Amino acid sequence: MAVGYVLINVEPGKEHEVYLAVKDMDHVVDATLLFGDHDLIVKLEAESLATIAKSVVEAIRQVPGIIDTKTLAGAEL
């Protein structure tokens, strides 16, 4: 099982709208609004990192109001 986290920055005032759009997407297991450098963090779980990357590019980044994303891949040691 692959795990990834996506840090998201959104247009001012769009935080809740973006949160509602991403929280129920496929592979999203948690979404939390943040204070600080990023507006939202989303945790994804899938069979592979490729599936997570596809979800970020094809679904999350397509949400209106998202300015920037940073994807972090979970490490398996």
PDB file of N, CA and C in Angstrom:
ATOM      1  N   MET A   1       0.853  -1.178   0.000  1.00  0.00           N
ATOM      2  CA  MET A   1       0.000   0.000   0.000  1.00  0.00           C
ATOM      3  C   MET A   1       0.891   1.232   0.000  1.00  0.00           C
ATOM      4  N   ALA A   2       0.674   2.118  -0.952  1.00  0.00           N
ATOM      5  CA  ALA A   2       1.422   3.369  -1.047  1.00  0.00           C
ATOM      6  C   ALA A   2       0.634   4.486  -0.362  1.00  0.00           C
ATOM      7  N   VAL A   3       1.382   5.390   0.265  1.00  0.00           N
ATOM      8  CA  VAL A   3       0.787   6.531   0.949  1.00  0.00           C
ATOM      9  C   VAL A   3       1.431   7.790   0.411  1.00  0.00           C
ATOM     10  N   GLY A   4       0.613   8.802   0.176  1.00  0.00           N
ATOM     11  CA  GLY A   4       1.118  10.098  -0.253  1.00  0.00           C
ATOM     12  C   GLY A   4       0.363  11.211   0.441  1.00  0.00           C
ATOM     13  N   TYR A   5       1.039  12.325   0.600  1.00  0.00           N
ATOM     14  CA  TYR A   5       0.431  13.515   1.192  1.00  0.00           C
ATOM     15  C   TYR A   5       0.547  14.650   0.184  1.00  0.00           C
ATOM     16  N   VAL A   6      -0.508  15.438   0.062  1.00  0.00           N
ATOM     17  CA  VAL A   6      -0.489  16.568  -0.853  1.00  0.00           C
ATOM     18  C   VAL A   6      -0.737  17.834  -0.045  1.00  0.00           C
ATOM     19  N   LEU A   7       0.225  18.741  -0.100  1.00  0.00           N
ATOM     20  CA  LEU A   7       0.080  20.060   0.502  1.00  0.00           C
ATOM     21  C   LEU A   7      -0.479  20.978  -0.576  1.00  0.00           C
ATOM     22  N   ILE A   8      -1.549  21.687  -0.257  1.00  0.00           N
ATOM     23  CA  ILE A   8      -2.270  22.467  -1.258  1.00  0.00           C
ATOM     24  C   ILE A   8      -2.365  23.925  -0.823  1.00  0.00           C
ATOM     25  N   ASN A   9      -2.107  24.822  -1.767  1.00  0.00           N
ATOM     26  CA  ASN A   9      -2.366  26.247  -1.582  1.00  0.00           C
ATOM     27  C   ASN A   9      -3.504  26.640  -2.508  1.00  0.00           C
ATOM     28  N   VAL A  10      -4.415  27.458  -1.985  1.00  0.00           N
ATOM     29  CA  VAL A  10      -5.591  27.846  -2.766  1.00  0.00           C
ATOM     30  C   VAL A  10      -5.741  29.362  -2.805  1.00  0.00           C
ATOM     31  N   GLU A  11      -6.610  29.806  -3.697  1.00  0.00           N
ATOM     32  CA  GLU A  11      -6.934  31.223  -3.775  1.00  0.00           C
ATOM     33  C   GLU A  11      -7.581  31.659  -2.462  1.00  0.00           C
ATOM     34  N   PRO A  12      -7.291  32.869  -2.014  1.00  0.00           N
ATOM     35  CA  PRO A  12      -7.910  33.352  -0.768  1.00  0.00           C
ATOM     36  C   PRO A  12      -9.435  33.240  -0.831  1.00  0.00           C
ATOM     37  N   GLY A  13     -10.007  32.707   0.243  1.00  0.00           N
ATOM     38  CA  GLY A  13     -11.452  32.555   0.336  1.00  0.00           C
ATOM     39  C   GLY A  13     -11.996  31.274  -0.259  1.00  0.00           C
ATOM     40  N   LYS A  14     -11.147  30.466  -0.892  1.00  0.00           N
ATOM     41  CA  LYS A  14     -11.585  29.225  -1.547  1.00  0.00           C
ATOM     42  C   LYS A  14     -11.257  27.978  -0.727  1.00  0.00           C
ATOM     43  N   GLU A  15     -10.728  28.152   0.481  1.00  0.00           N
ATOM     44  CA  GLU A  15     -10.264  27.018   1.277  1.00  0.00           C
ATOM     45  C   GLU A  15     -11.353  25.974   1.509  1.00  0.00           C
ATOM     46  N   HIS A  16     -12.498  26.406   1.977  1.00  0.00           N
ATOM     47  CA  HIS A  16     -13.564  25.451   2.301  1.00  0.00           C
ATOM     48  C   HIS A  16     -14.124  24.803   1.037  1.00  0.00           C
ATOM     49  N   GLU A  17     -14.251  25.565  -0.009  1.00  0.00           N
ATOM     50  CA  GLU A  17     -14.754  25.039  -1.288  1.00  0.00           C
ATOM     51  C   GLU A  17     -13.826  23.941  -1.826  1.00  0.00           C
ATOM     52  N   VAL A  18     -12.523  24.177  -1.779  1.00  0.00           N
ATOM     53  CA  VAL A  18     -11.556  23.183  -2.256  1.00  0.00           C
ATOM     54  C   VAL A  18     -11.572  21.965  -1.341  1.00  0.00           C
ATOM     55  N   TYR A  19     -11.632  22.186  -0.030  1.00  0.00           N
ATOM     56  CA  TYR A  19     -11.713  21.081   0.925  1.00  0.00           C
ATOM     57  C   TYR A  19     -12.900  20.171   0.600  1.00  0.00           C
ATOM     58  N   LEU A  20     -14.066  20.750   0.364  1.00  0.00           N
ATOM     59  CA  LEU A  20     -15.253  19.955   0.044  1.00  0.00           C
ATOM     60  C   LEU A  20     -15.083  19.190  -1.262  1.00  0.00           C
ATOM     61  N   ALA A  21     -14.361  19.787  -2.219  1.00  0.00           N
ATOM     62  CA  ALA A  21     -14.173  19.142  -3.516  1.00  0.00           C
ATOM     63  C   ALA A  21     -13.226  17.947  -3.444  1.00  0.00           C
ATOM     64  N   VAL A  22     -12.216  18.004  -2.577  1.00  0.00           N
ATOM     65  CA  VAL A  22     -11.221  16.926  -2.574  1.00  0.00           C
ATOM     66  C   VAL A  22     -11.457  15.846  -1.521  1.00  0.00           C
ATOM     67  N   LYS A  23     -12.184  16.128  -0.457  1.00  0.00           N
ATOM     68  CA  LYS A  23     -12.274  15.202   0.670  1.00  0.00           C
ATOM     69  C   LYS A  23     -12.910  13.856   0.324  1.00  0.00           C
ATOM     70  N   ASP A  24     -13.746  13.799  -0.686  1.00  0.00           N
ATOM     71  CA  ASP A  24     -14.413  12.547  -1.046  1.00  0.00           C
ATOM     72  C   ASP A  24     -13.905  11.947  -2.357  1.00  0.00           C
ATOM     73  N   MET A  25     -12.765  12.433  -2.847  1.00  0.00           N
ATOM     74  CA  MET A  25     -12.203  11.886  -4.085  1.00  0.00           C
ATOM     75  C   MET A  25     -11.667  10.475  -3.845  1.00  0.00           C
ATOM     76  N   ASP A  26     -11.558   9.721  -4.930  1.00  0.00           N
ATOM     77  CA  ASP A  26     -10.964   8.386  -4.852  1.00  0.00           C
ATOM     78  C   ASP A  26      -9.566   8.471  -4.259  1.00  0.00           C
ATOM     79  N   HIS A  27      -9.234   7.547  -3.395  1.00  0.00           N
ATOM     80  CA  HIS A  27      -7.932   7.387  -2.751  1.00  0.00           C
ATOM     81  C   HIS A  27      -7.668   8.383  -1.625  1.00  0.00           C
ATOM     82  N   VAL A  28      -8.533   9.379  -1.427  1.00  0.00           N
ATOM     83  CA  VAL A  28      -8.350  10.334  -0.329  1.00  0.00           C
ATOM     84  C   VAL A  28      -8.900   9.703   0.946  1.00  0.00           C
ATOM     85  N   VAL A  29      -8.036   9.578   1.954  1.00  0.00           N
ATOM     86  CA  VAL A  29      -8.465   8.994   3.225  1.00  0.00           C
ATOM     87  C   VAL A  29      -8.581  10.042   4.327  1.00  0.00           C
ATOM     88  N   ASP A  30      -7.997  11.230   4.105  1.00  0.00           N
ATOM     89  CA  ASP A  30      -8.108  12.317   5.080  1.00  0.00           C
ATOM     90  C   ASP A  30      -7.789  13.635   4.395  1.00  0.00           C
ATOM     91  N   ALA A  31      -8.482  14.663   4.819  1.00  0.00           N
ATOM     92  CA  ALA A  31      -8.216  16.025   4.342  1.00  0.00           C
ATOM     93  C   ALA A  31      -8.396  16.963   5.528  1.00  0.00           C
ATOM     94  N   THR A  32      -7.438  17.864   5.714  1.00  0.00           N
ATOM     95  CA  THR A  32      -7.464  18.767   6.858  1.00  0.00           C
ATOM     96  C   THR A  32      -7.099  20.170   6.420  1.00  0.00           C
ATOM     97  N   LEU A  33      -7.921  21.139   6.811  1.00  0.00           N
ATOM     98  CA  LEU A  33      -7.582  22.541   6.582  1.00  0.00           C
ATOM     99  C   LEU A  33      -6.481  22.940   7.546  1.00  0.00           C
ATOM    100  N   LEU A  34      -5.559  23.783   7.086  1.00  0.00           N
ATOM    101  CA  LEU A  34      -4.388  24.165   7.871  1.00  0.00           C
ATOM    102  C   LEU A  34      -4.282  25.680   8.023  1.00  0.00           C
ATOM    103  N   PHE A  35      -3.534  26.094   9.038  1.00  0.00           N
ATOM    104  CA  PHE A  35      -3.060  27.461   9.166  1.00  0.00           C
ATOM    105  C   PHE A  35      -1.557  27.405   8.940  1.00  0.00           C
ATOM    106  N   GLY A  36      -1.008  28.357   8.215  1.00  0.00           N
ATOM    107  CA  GLY A  36       0.435  28.355   7.995  1.00  0.00           C
ATOM    108  C   GLY A  36       0.775  28.487   6.528  1.00  0.00           C
ATOM    109  N   ASP A  37       1.874  27.838   6.131  1.00  0.00           N
ATOM    110  CA  ASP A  37       2.376  27.967   4.764  1.00  0.00           C
ATOM    111  C   ASP A  37       1.473  27.318   3.725  1.00  0.00           C
ATOM    112  N   HIS A  38       0.675  26.336   4.137  1.00  0.00           N
ATOM    113  CA  HIS A  38      -0.219  25.634   3.221  1.00  0.00           C
ATOM    114  C   HIS A  38      -1.642  25.715   3.769  1.00  0.00           C
ATOM    115  N   ASP A  39      -2.608  25.619   2.869  1.00  0.00           N
ATOM    116  CA  ASP A  39      -4.016  25.763   3.253  1.00  0.00           C
ATOM    117  C   ASP A  39      -4.705  24.441   3.559  1.00  0.00           C
ATOM    118  N   LEU A  40      -4.189  23.356   2.987  1.00  0.00           N
ATOM    119  CA  LEU A  40      -4.862  22.065   3.098  1.00  0.00           C
ATOM    120  C   LEU A  40      -3.827  20.959   2.960  1.00  0.00           C
ATOM    121  N   ILE A  41      -4.004  19.873   3.728  1.00  0.00           N
ATOM    122  CA  ILE A  41      -3.200  18.672   3.531  1.00  0.00           C
ATOM    123  C   ILE A  41      -4.159  17.513   3.282  1.00  0.00           C
ATOM    124  N   VAL A  42      -3.813  16.708   2.282  1.00  0.00           N
ATOM    125  CA  VAL A  42      -4.648  15.581   1.894  1.00  0.00           C
ATOM    126  C   VAL A  42      -3.791  14.321   1.950  1.00  0.00           C
ATOM    127  N   LYS A  43      -4.309  13.281   2.587  1.00  0.00           N
ATOM    128  CA  LYS A  43      -3.624  11.986   2.629  1.00  0.00           C
ATOM    129  C   LYS A  43      -4.300  11.051   1.642  1.00  0.00           C
ATOM    130  N   LEU A  44      -3.493  10.411   0.810  1.00  0.00           N
ATOM    131  CA  LEU A  44      -3.995   9.460  -0.163  1.00  0.00           C
ATOM    132  C   LEU A  44      -3.379   8.093   0.091  1.00  0.00           C
ATOM    133  N   GLU A  45      -4.151   7.045  -0.158  1.00  0.00           N
ATOM    134  CA  GLU A  45      -3.660   5.679  -0.111  1.00  0.00           C
ATOM    135  C   GLU A  45      -4.098   4.967  -1.386  1.00  0.00           C
ATOM    136  N   ALA A  46      -3.168   4.214  -1.964  1.00  0.00           N
ATOM    137  CA  ALA A  46      -3.468   3.483  -3.196  1.00  0.00           C
ATOM    138  C   ALA A  46      -2.504   2.307  -3.302  1.00  0.00           C
ATOM    139  N   GLU A  47      -2.702   1.485  -4.319  1.00  0.00           N
ATOM    140  CA  GLU A  47      -1.852   0.322  -4.525  1.00  0.00           C
ATOM    141  C   GLU A  47      -0.431   0.699  -4.945  1.00  0.00           C
ATOM    142  N   SER A  48      -0.267   1.885  -5.553  1.00  0.00           N
ATOM    143  CA  SER A  48       1.062   2.281  -6.020  1.00  0.00           C
ATOM    144  C   SER A  48       1.203   3.800  -5.983  1.00  0.00           C
ATOM    145  N   LEU A  49       2.466   4.240  -5.973  1.00  0.00           N
ATOM    146  CA  LEU A  49       2.720   5.682  -6.050  1.00  0.00           C
ATOM    147  C   LEU A  49       2.277   6.239  -7.399  1.00  0.00           C
ATOM    148  N   ALA A  50       2.302   5.421  -8.428  1.00  0.00           N
ATOM    149  CA  ALA A  50       1.838   5.865  -9.745  1.00  0.00           C
ATOM    150  C   ALA A  50       0.353   6.218  -9.707  1.00  0.00           C
ATOM    151  N   THR A  51      -0.429   5.432  -8.985  1.00  0.00           N
ATOM    152  CA  THR A  51      -1.857   5.723  -8.851  1.00  0.00           C
ATOM    153  C   THR A  51      -2.077   7.013  -8.070  1.00  0.00           C
ATOM    154  N   ILE A  52      -1.277   7.219  -7.042  1.00  0.00           N
ATOM    155  CA  ILE A  52      -1.371   8.467  -6.284  1.00  0.00           C
ATOM    156  C   ILE A  52      -1.016   9.653  -7.175  1.00  0.00           C
ATOM    157  N   ALA A  53       0.069   9.528  -7.932  1.00  0.00           N
ATOM    158  CA  ALA A  53       0.473  10.612  -8.835  1.00  0.00           C
ATOM    159  C   ALA A  53      -0.621  10.918  -9.849  1.00  0.00           C
ATOM    160  N   LYS A  54      -1.240   9.881 -10.382  1.00  0.00           N
ATOM    161  CA  LYS A  54      -2.325  10.069 -11.349  1.00  0.00           C
ATOM    162  C   LYS A  54      -3.500  10.798 -10.701  1.00  0.00           C
ATOM    163  N   SER A  55      -3.839  10.456  -9.465  1.00  0.00           N
ATOM    164  CA  SER A  55      -4.930  11.128  -8.755  1.00  0.00           C
ATOM    165  C   SER A  55      -4.628  12.608  -8.545  1.00  0.00           C
ATOM    166  N   VAL A  56      -3.375  12.899  -8.223  1.00  0.00           N
ATOM    167  CA  VAL A  56      -2.993  14.300  -8.000  1.00  0.00           C
ATOM    168  C   VAL A  56      -3.110  15.084  -9.307  1.00  0.00           C
ATOM    169  N   VAL A  57      -2.534  14.551 -10.362  1.00  0.00           N
ATOM    170  CA  VAL A  57      -2.502  15.274 -11.639  1.00  0.00           C
ATOM    171  C   VAL A  57      -3.880  15.363 -12.287  1.00  0.00           C
ATOM    172  N   GLU A  58      -4.609  14.262 -12.310  1.00  0.00           N
ATOM    173  CA  GLU A  58      -5.867  14.225 -13.053  1.00  0.00           C
ATOM    174  C   GLU A  58      -7.083  14.676 -12.251  1.00  0.00           C
ATOM    175  N   ALA A  59      -7.013  14.655 -10.935  1.00  0.00           N
ATOM    176  CA  ALA A  59      -8.188  15.030 -10.135  1.00  0.00           C
ATOM    177  C   ALA A  59      -7.924  16.235  -9.240  1.00  0.00           C
ATOM    178  N   ILE A  60      -6.990  16.110  -8.327  1.00  0.00           N
ATOM    179  CA  ILE A  60      -6.786  17.185  -7.345  1.00  0.00           C
ATOM    180  C   ILE A  60      -6.370  18.491  -8.009  1.00  0.00           C
ATOM    181  N   ARG A  61      -5.376  18.451  -8.871  1.00  0.00           N
ATOM    182  CA  ARG A  61      -4.894  19.692  -9.498  1.00  0.00           C
ATOM    183  C   ARG A  61      -5.921  20.341 -10.430  1.00  0.00           C
ATOM    184  N   GLN A  62      -6.958  19.623 -10.773  1.00  0.00           N
ATOM    185  CA  GLN A  62      -7.984  20.162 -11.659  1.00  0.00           C
ATOM    186  C   GLN A  62      -9.075  20.931 -10.913  1.00  0.00           C
ATOM    187  N   VAL A  63      -9.051  20.922  -9.586  1.00  0.00           N
ATOM    188  CA  VAL A  63     -10.080  21.599  -8.792  1.00  0.00           C
ATOM    189  C   VAL A  63      -9.902  23.107  -8.928  1.00  0.00           C
ATOM    190  N   PRO A  64     -10.949  23.818  -9.321  1.00  0.00           N
ATOM    191  CA  PRO A  64     -10.860  25.276  -9.405  1.00  0.00           C
ATOM    192  C   PRO A  64     -10.511  25.883  -8.045  1.00  0.00           C
ATOM    193  N   GLY A  65      -9.607  26.841  -8.050  1.00  0.00           N
ATOM    194  CA  GLY A  65      -9.200  27.511  -6.826  1.00  0.00           C
ATOM    195  C   GLY A  65      -7.847  27.050  -6.314  1.00  0.00           C
ATOM    196  N   ILE A  66      -7.368  25.903  -6.782  1.00  0.00           N
ATOM    197  CA  ILE A  66      -6.055  25.436  -6.350  1.00  0.00           C
ATOM    198  C   ILE A  66      -4.978  26.185  -7.122  1.00  0.00           C
ATOM    199  N   ILE A  67      -4.039  26.753  -6.373  1.00  0.00           N
ATOM    200  CA  ILE A  67      -2.932  27.511  -6.957  1.00  0.00           C
ATOM    201  C   ILE A  67      -1.702  26.631  -7.137  1.00  0.00           C
ATOM    202  N   ASP A  68      -1.402  25.827  -6.104  1.00  0.00           N
ATOM    203  CA  ASP A  68      -0.153  25.068  -6.111  1.00  0.00           C
ATOM    204  C   ASP A  68      -0.329  23.813  -5.251  1.00  0.00           C
ATOM    205  N   THR A  69       0.398  22.755  -5.632  1.00  0.00           N
ATOM    206  CA  THR A  69       0.426  21.538  -4.822  1.00  0.00           C
ATOM    207  C   THR A  69       1.856  21.065  -4.644  1.00  0.00           C
ATOM    208  N   LYS A  70       2.097  20.360  -3.559  1.00  0.00           N
ATOM    209  CA  LYS A  70       3.377  19.695  -3.332  1.00  0.00           C
ATOM    210  C   LYS A  70       3.036  18.304  -2.827  1.00  0.00           C
ATOM    211  N   THR A  71       3.490  17.293  -3.555  1.00  0.00           N
ATOM    212  CA  THR A  71       3.182  15.914  -3.212  1.00  0.00           C
ATOM    213  C   THR A  71       4.377  15.267  -2.516  1.00  0.00           C
ATOM    214  N   LEU A  72       4.091  14.622  -1.381  1.00  0.00           N
ATOM    215  CA  LEU A  72       5.119  13.931  -0.607  1.00  0.00           C
ATOM    216  C   LEU A  72       4.786  12.441  -0.605  1.00  0.00           C
ATOM    217  N   ALA A  73       5.756  11.622  -0.970  1.00  0.00           N
ATOM    218  CA  ALA A  73       5.540  10.182  -1.004  1.00  0.00           C
ATOM    219  C   ALA A  73       5.982   9.560   0.305  1.00  0.00           C
ATOM    220  N   GLY A  74       5.133   8.721   0.861  1.00  0.00           N
ATOM    221  CA  GLY A  74       5.476   8.006   2.089  1.00  0.00           C
ATOM    222  C   GLY A  74       6.565   6.988   1.813  1.00  0.00           C
ATOM    223  N   ALA A  75       7.506   6.837   2.755  1.00  0.00           N
ATOM    224  CA  ALA A  75       8.604   5.905   2.596  1.00  0.00           C
ATOM    225  C   ALA A  75       8.292   4.581   3.278  1.00  0.00           C
ATOM    226  N   GLU A  76       8.689   3.513   2.647  1.00  0.00           N
ATOM    227  CA  GLU A  76       8.576   2.191   3.246  1.00  0.00           C
ATOM    228  C   GLU A  76       9.979   1.710   3.561  1.00  0.00           C
ATOM    229  N   LEU A  77      10.281   1.525   4.834  1.00  0.00           N
ATOM    230  CA  LEU A  77      11.630   1.100   5.234  1.00  0.00           C
ATOM    231  C   LEU A  77      11.644  -0.360   5.618  1.00  0.00           C
TER     232      LEU A  77
END
